[in-house]
Amino acid sequence: MLVPMSEQELDAEDRKIVTLARSTRARNGVPEGAAVRDETGRTYVAGTVALPSLQLSALRTAVATAVASGAESLEAAAVVTEAVEPHPDDLAAVRDLGGAATPVLLAGPDGQLRTSVTAG
């Protein structure tokens, strides 16, 4: 279920991952940027991967980076995209590592938070 949110409702750590996702998207010139925060507070950022042999959304790439770095769970995830809602495969990846209650923040390219959903 999509829940409209305002920037004021985000705590500092959630604002940080939205900012990191937006910066990654802009710096790399990719359609999406994402950031996830693991159970220890470490953050992992990624952009869209678009190779002939490998296609991954930014959020799935960020989750894969967290797993490859030893993360055991996620506290939160953020994606900056033109999309109006997170892709079901992105939610599944977050759910696999963080559980159904993990919040996924979706922001537009301007960094404005559009919605927040849970991975479940």
N, C-alpha and C. Protein backbone atom coordinates (compact mmCIF):
# COMPACT_ATOMS: atom_id res chain seq x y z
N MET A 1 0.83 -1.18 0.00
CA MET A 1 0.00 0.00 0.00
C MET A 1 0.88 1.24 0.00
N LEU A 2 0.64 2.15 -0.91
CA LEU A 2 1.41 3.39 -0.98
C LEU A 2 0.90 4.37 0.05
N VAL A 3 1.83 4.97 0.78
CA VAL A 3 1.47 5.94 1.79
C VAL A 3 2.20 7.24 1.48
N PRO A 4 1.47 8.31 1.14
CA PRO A 4 2.13 9.59 0.89
C PRO A 4 2.84 10.06 2.16
N MET A 5 4.02 10.60 2.00
CA MET A 5 4.78 11.09 3.14
C MET A 5 5.35 12.45 2.82
N SER A 6 5.63 13.18 3.84
CA SER A 6 6.31 14.46 3.66
C SER A 6 7.75 14.31 4.14
N GLU A 7 8.58 15.20 3.68
CA GLU A 7 9.99 15.20 4.06
C GLU A 7 10.15 15.33 5.58
N GLN A 8 9.23 16.01 6.23
CA GLN A 8 9.32 16.21 7.68
C GLN A 8 9.13 14.91 8.44
N GLU A 9 8.49 13.93 7.83
CA GLU A 9 8.26 12.66 8.51
C GLU A 9 9.49 11.75 8.52
N LEU A 10 10.51 12.08 7.75
CA LEU A 10 11.72 11.26 7.69
C LEU A 10 12.69 11.63 8.80
N ASP A 11 13.30 10.63 9.41
CA ASP A 11 14.36 10.94 10.36
C ASP A 11 15.66 11.20 9.58
N ALA A 12 16.67 11.61 10.27
CA ALA A 12 17.94 11.99 9.63
C ALA A 12 18.55 10.84 8.84
N GLU A 13 18.48 9.63 9.37
CA GLU A 13 19.07 8.48 8.69
C GLU A 13 18.33 8.15 7.40
N ASP A 14 17.02 8.28 7.40
CA ASP A 14 16.24 8.03 6.18
C ASP A 14 16.47 9.13 5.15
N ARG A 15 16.57 10.37 5.60
CA ARG A 15 16.90 11.47 4.67
C ARG A 15 18.27 11.21 4.02
N LYS A 16 19.18 10.68 4.82
CA LYS A 16 20.53 10.39 4.31
C LYS A 16 20.49 9.38 3.17
N ILE A 17 19.72 8.30 3.31
CA ILE A 17 19.73 7.31 2.22
C ILE A 17 19.01 7.83 0.98
N VAL A 18 18.01 8.67 1.15
CA VAL A 18 17.37 9.29 -0.02
C VAL A 18 18.37 10.19 -0.73
N THR A 19 19.12 10.99 0.04
CA THR A 19 20.14 11.88 -0.55
C THR A 19 21.23 11.08 -1.26
N LEU A 20 21.68 9.99 -0.65
CA LEU A 20 22.70 9.15 -1.28
C LEU A 20 22.18 8.53 -2.58
N ALA A 21 20.94 8.08 -2.57
CA ALA A 21 20.35 7.49 -3.78
C ALA A 21 20.26 8.53 -4.89
N ARG A 22 19.83 9.73 -4.54
CA ARG A 22 19.71 10.80 -5.54
C ARG A 22 21.08 11.18 -6.10
N SER A 23 22.06 11.29 -5.24
CA SER A 23 23.42 11.65 -5.67
C SER A 23 24.00 10.59 -6.61
N THR A 24 23.78 9.34 -6.29
CA THR A 24 24.28 8.25 -7.13
C THR A 24 23.65 8.29 -8.50
N ARG A 25 22.35 8.52 -8.54
CA ARG A 25 21.63 8.61 -9.82
C ARG A 25 22.20 9.74 -10.67
N ALA A 26 22.38 10.91 -10.07
CA ALA A 26 22.88 12.07 -10.81
C ALA A 26 24.34 11.88 -11.23
N ARG A 27 25.17 11.43 -10.31
CA ARG A 27 26.60 11.29 -10.60
C ARG A 27 26.86 10.28 -11.71
N ASN A 28 26.10 9.18 -11.71
CA ASN A 28 26.34 8.12 -12.68
C ASN A 28 25.49 8.26 -13.94
N GLY A 29 24.57 9.20 -13.95
CA GLY A 29 23.73 9.40 -15.13
C GLY A 29 22.89 8.20 -15.48
N VAL A 30 22.34 7.55 -14.44
CA VAL A 30 21.53 6.35 -14.65
C VAL A 30 20.07 6.63 -14.31
N PRO A 31 19.15 5.78 -14.79
CA PRO A 31 17.73 6.03 -14.55
C PRO A 31 17.31 6.00 -13.07
N GLU A 32 18.02 5.20 -12.26
CA GLU A 32 17.67 5.07 -10.85
C GLU A 32 18.92 5.08 -9.99
N GLY A 33 18.76 5.58 -8.78
CA GLY A 33 19.78 5.47 -7.76
C GLY A 33 19.11 4.88 -6.53
N ALA A 34 19.85 4.09 -5.76
CA ALA A 34 19.28 3.48 -4.57
C ALA A 34 20.32 3.43 -3.46
N ALA A 35 19.81 3.34 -2.24
CA ALA A 35 20.67 3.16 -1.07
C ALA A 35 19.91 2.30 -0.08
N VAL A 36 20.64 1.44 0.61
CA VAL A 36 20.06 0.63 1.67
C VAL A 36 20.93 0.78 2.92
N ARG A 37 20.28 0.64 4.08
CA ARG A 37 20.99 0.71 5.36
C ARG A 37 20.85 -0.65 6.04
N ASP A 38 21.98 -1.22 6.45
CA ASP A 38 21.92 -2.55 7.06
C ASP A 38 21.70 -2.47 8.57
N GLU A 39 21.70 -3.63 9.20
CA GLU A 39 21.40 -3.72 10.63
C GLU A 39 22.43 -3.05 11.52
N THR A 40 23.61 -2.75 10.99
CA THR A 40 24.64 -2.07 11.78
C THR A 40 24.71 -0.58 11.47
N GLY A 41 23.86 -0.12 10.54
CA GLY A 41 23.87 1.29 10.17
C GLY A 41 24.72 1.61 8.96
N ARG A 42 25.41 0.62 8.41
CA ARG A 42 26.20 0.85 7.20
C ARG A 42 25.27 1.06 6.01
N THR A 43 25.70 1.91 5.08
CA THR A 43 24.89 2.16 3.89
C THR A 43 25.61 1.65 2.65
N TYR A 44 24.81 1.24 1.68
CA TYR A 44 25.31 0.74 0.41
C TYR A 44 24.51 1.45 -0.68
N VAL A 45 25.21 1.99 -1.67
CA VAL A 45 24.53 2.72 -2.73
C VAL A 45 24.82 2.06 -4.08
N ALA A 46 23.91 2.26 -5.01
CA ALA A 46 24.09 1.68 -6.34
C ALA A 46 23.20 2.41 -7.34
N GLY A 47 23.58 2.29 -8.58
CA GLY A 47 22.77 2.79 -9.68
C GLY A 47 22.30 1.63 -10.53
N THR A 48 21.47 1.93 -11.49
CA THR A 48 20.98 0.94 -12.43
C THR A 48 22.15 0.29 -13.15
N VAL A 49 22.09 -1.02 -13.34
CA VAL A 49 23.08 -1.77 -14.13
C VAL A 49 22.39 -2.15 -15.43
N ALA A 50 22.96 -1.69 -16.54
CA ALA A 50 22.36 -1.98 -17.85
C ALA A 50 23.44 -2.45 -18.81
N LEU A 51 23.83 -3.70 -18.67
CA LEU A 51 24.79 -4.34 -19.56
C LEU A 51 24.04 -5.31 -20.46
N PRO A 52 24.59 -5.63 -21.61
CA PRO A 52 23.91 -6.61 -22.45
C PRO A 52 23.64 -7.93 -21.72
N SER A 53 24.55 -8.33 -20.85
CA SER A 53 24.41 -9.62 -20.17
C SER A 53 23.84 -9.52 -18.76
N LEU A 54 23.63 -8.31 -18.26
CA LEU A 54 23.17 -8.15 -16.88
C LEU A 54 22.33 -6.88 -16.76
N GLN A 55 21.08 -7.06 -16.37
CA GLN A 55 20.15 -5.94 -16.17
C GLN A 55 19.66 -5.99 -14.73
N LEU A 56 19.98 -4.95 -13.94
CA LEU A 56 19.54 -4.88 -12.55
C LEU A 56 19.07 -3.47 -12.23
N SER A 57 17.99 -3.39 -11.49
CA SER A 57 17.56 -2.09 -11.00
C SER A 57 18.56 -1.60 -9.95
N ALA A 58 18.50 -0.34 -9.66
CA ALA A 58 19.39 0.22 -8.65
C ALA A 58 19.15 -0.41 -7.29
N LEU A 59 17.89 -0.63 -6.93
CA LEU A 59 17.60 -1.18 -5.61
C LEU A 59 18.08 -2.62 -5.49
N ARG A 60 17.88 -3.43 -6.52
CA ARG A 60 18.38 -4.80 -6.46
C ARG A 60 19.91 -4.81 -6.41
N THR A 61 20.54 -3.88 -7.10
CA THR A 61 22.00 -3.80 -7.06
C THR A 61 22.49 -3.39 -5.67
N ALA A 62 21.79 -2.45 -5.04
CA ALA A 62 22.17 -2.03 -3.68
C ALA A 62 22.00 -3.18 -2.68
N VAL A 63 20.93 -3.94 -2.82
CA VAL A 63 20.72 -5.10 -1.95
C VAL A 63 21.83 -6.13 -2.19
N ALA A 64 22.16 -6.39 -3.44
CA ALA A 64 23.23 -7.34 -3.75
C ALA A 64 24.56 -6.87 -3.18
N THR A 65 24.84 -5.59 -3.25
CA THR A 65 26.07 -5.03 -2.69
C THR A 65 26.10 -5.23 -1.17
N ALA A 66 24.97 -5.01 -0.52
CA ALA A 66 24.90 -5.21 0.93
C ALA A 66 25.18 -6.68 1.28
N VAL A 67 24.54 -7.59 0.56
CA VAL A 67 24.74 -9.02 0.81
C VAL A 67 26.20 -9.39 0.57
N ALA A 68 26.77 -8.92 -0.53
CA ALA A 68 28.16 -9.25 -0.85
C ALA A 68 29.14 -8.67 0.17
N SER A 69 28.70 -7.64 0.89
CA SER A 69 29.55 -7.01 1.91
C SER A 69 29.32 -7.59 3.30
N GLY A 70 28.45 -8.58 3.41
CA GLY A 70 28.25 -9.25 4.68
C GLY A 70 27.04 -8.81 5.49
N ALA A 71 26.19 -7.95 4.95
CA ALA A 71 25.00 -7.53 5.68
C ALA A 71 24.11 -8.74 5.94
N GLU A 72 23.52 -8.77 7.12
CA GLU A 72 22.63 -9.87 7.48
C GLU A 72 21.17 -9.46 7.47
N SER A 73 20.90 -8.16 7.45
CA SER A 73 19.53 -7.65 7.44
C SER A 73 19.55 -6.20 6.97
N LEU A 74 18.37 -5.66 6.70
CA LEU A 74 18.25 -4.25 6.31
C LEU A 74 17.31 -3.53 7.27
N GLU A 75 17.64 -2.27 7.55
CA GLU A 75 16.75 -1.41 8.33
C GLU A 75 15.84 -0.61 7.42
N ALA A 76 16.35 -0.19 6.26
CA ALA A 76 15.57 0.66 5.35
C ALA A 76 16.21 0.66 3.98
N ALA A 77 15.40 1.06 2.98
CA ALA A 77 15.88 1.17 1.60
C ALA A 77 15.26 2.42 0.99
N ALA A 78 15.96 3.00 0.02
CA ALA A 78 15.44 4.16 -0.70
C ALA A 78 15.80 4.03 -2.17
N VAL A 79 14.90 4.49 -3.02
CA VAL A 79 15.16 4.51 -4.46
C VAL A 79 14.69 5.85 -5.01
N VAL A 80 15.50 6.42 -5.88
CA VAL A 80 15.16 7.66 -6.59
C VAL A 80 14.96 7.28 -8.04
N THR A 81 13.76 7.56 -8.56
CA THR A 81 13.36 7.07 -9.86
C THR A 81 12.23 7.91 -10.43
N GLU A 82 11.98 7.73 -11.71
CA GLU A 82 10.81 8.34 -12.36
C GLU A 82 9.55 7.53 -12.06
N ALA A 83 9.70 6.28 -11.67
CA ALA A 83 8.55 5.39 -11.42
C ALA A 83 7.68 5.94 -10.29
N VAL A 84 6.42 5.58 -10.32
CA VAL A 84 5.49 6.06 -9.30
C VAL A 84 5.34 5.09 -8.13
N GLU A 85 5.85 3.87 -8.31
CA GLU A 85 5.85 2.91 -7.22
C GLU A 85 7.00 1.94 -7.42
N PRO A 86 7.48 1.32 -6.34
CA PRO A 86 8.58 0.37 -6.47
C PRO A 86 8.17 -0.86 -7.27
N HIS A 87 9.12 -1.40 -8.01
CA HIS A 87 8.87 -2.62 -8.78
C HIS A 87 8.73 -3.80 -7.81
N PRO A 88 7.82 -4.72 -8.07
CA PRO A 88 7.66 -5.89 -7.19
C PRO A 88 8.95 -6.68 -6.98
N ASP A 89 9.80 -6.79 -8.00
CA ASP A 89 11.07 -7.52 -7.84
C ASP A 89 12.01 -6.79 -6.89
N ASP A 90 11.95 -5.46 -6.88
CA ASP A 90 12.76 -4.68 -5.94
C ASP A 90 12.28 -4.93 -4.51
N LEU A 91 10.97 -4.91 -4.32
CA LEU A 91 10.42 -5.17 -2.99
C LEU A 91 10.79 -6.58 -2.53
N ALA A 92 10.77 -7.54 -3.45
CA ALA A 92 11.13 -8.92 -3.09
C ALA A 92 12.58 -9.01 -2.62
N ALA A 93 13.48 -8.30 -3.28
CA ALA A 93 14.89 -8.33 -2.89
C ALA A 93 15.08 -7.73 -1.49
N VAL A 94 14.41 -6.61 -1.24
CA VAL A 94 14.49 -5.99 0.09
C VAL A 94 13.89 -6.92 1.13
N ARG A 95 12.77 -7.52 0.82
CA ARG A 95 12.10 -8.45 1.75
C ARG A 95 12.99 -9.66 2.05
N ASP A 96 13.67 -10.18 1.03
CA ASP A 96 14.54 -11.34 1.23
C ASP A 96 15.62 -11.07 2.26
N LEU A 97 16.17 -9.86 2.27
CA LEU A 97 17.25 -9.55 3.21
C LEU A 97 16.73 -8.89 4.48
N GLY A 98 15.75 -8.02 4.36
CA GLY A 98 15.33 -7.24 5.52
C GLY A 98 14.05 -7.69 6.19
N GLY A 99 13.24 -8.46 5.50
CA GLY A 99 11.96 -8.87 6.04
C GLY A 99 10.83 -8.01 5.50
N ALA A 100 9.61 -8.49 5.70
CA ALA A 100 8.42 -7.85 5.14
C ALA A 100 8.17 -6.44 5.66
N ALA A 101 8.61 -6.13 6.87
CA ALA A 101 8.34 -4.82 7.47
C ALA A 101 9.36 -3.75 7.10
N THR A 102 10.38 -4.09 6.33
CA THR A 102 11.42 -3.12 5.97
C THR A 102 10.83 -1.99 5.14
N PRO A 103 11.01 -0.74 5.57
CA PRO A 103 10.48 0.38 4.79
C PRO A 103 11.29 0.62 3.52
N VAL A 104 10.56 0.92 2.44
CA VAL A 104 11.17 1.28 1.16
C VAL A 104 10.65 2.67 0.81
N LEU A 105 11.55 3.62 0.75
CA LEU A 105 11.21 5.01 0.45
C LEU A 105 11.38 5.24 -1.04
N LEU A 106 10.40 5.85 -1.68
CA LEU A 106 10.47 6.13 -3.10
C LEU A 106 10.43 7.65 -3.29
N ALA A 107 11.45 8.17 -3.95
CA ALA A 107 11.53 9.61 -4.21
C ALA A 107 11.68 9.86 -5.70
N GLY A 108 11.23 11.02 -6.13
CA GLY A 108 11.39 11.41 -7.52
C GLY A 108 12.79 11.91 -7.77
N PRO A 109 13.13 12.18 -9.03
CA PRO A 109 14.46 12.67 -9.38
C PRO A 109 14.86 13.96 -8.66
N ASP A 110 13.87 14.73 -8.23
CA ASP A 110 14.16 15.96 -7.48
C ASP A 110 14.47 15.68 -6.02
N GLY A 111 14.39 14.41 -5.62
CA GLY A 111 14.67 14.04 -4.24
C GLY A 111 13.47 14.14 -3.32
N GLN A 112 12.34 14.61 -3.84
CA GLN A 112 11.14 14.73 -3.02
C GLN A 112 10.53 13.36 -2.80
N LEU A 113 10.28 13.05 -1.55
CA LEU A 113 9.69 11.77 -1.20
C LEU A 113 8.27 11.69 -1.74
N ARG A 114 7.99 10.62 -2.47
CA ARG A 114 6.66 10.39 -3.01
C ARG A 114 5.84 9.48 -2.11
N THR A 115 6.43 8.35 -1.77
CA THR A 115 5.71 7.35 -0.98
C THR A 115 6.68 6.53 -0.14
N SER A 116 6.10 5.82 0.79
CA SER A 116 6.84 4.84 1.58
C SER A 116 5.97 3.59 1.63
N VAL A 117 6.59 2.45 1.37
CA VAL A 117 5.90 1.17 1.44
C VAL A 117 6.74 0.23 2.28
N THR A 118 6.17 -0.86 2.69
CA THR A 118 6.97 -1.90 3.32
C THR A 118 7.28 -2.94 2.24
N ALA A 119 8.35 -3.68 2.46
CA ALA A 119 8.78 -4.67 1.48
C ALA A 119 7.81 -5.83 1.37
N GLY A 120 6.97 -6.02 2.38
CA GLY A 120 6.06 -7.16 2.42
C GLY A 120 4.87 -6.97 1.58
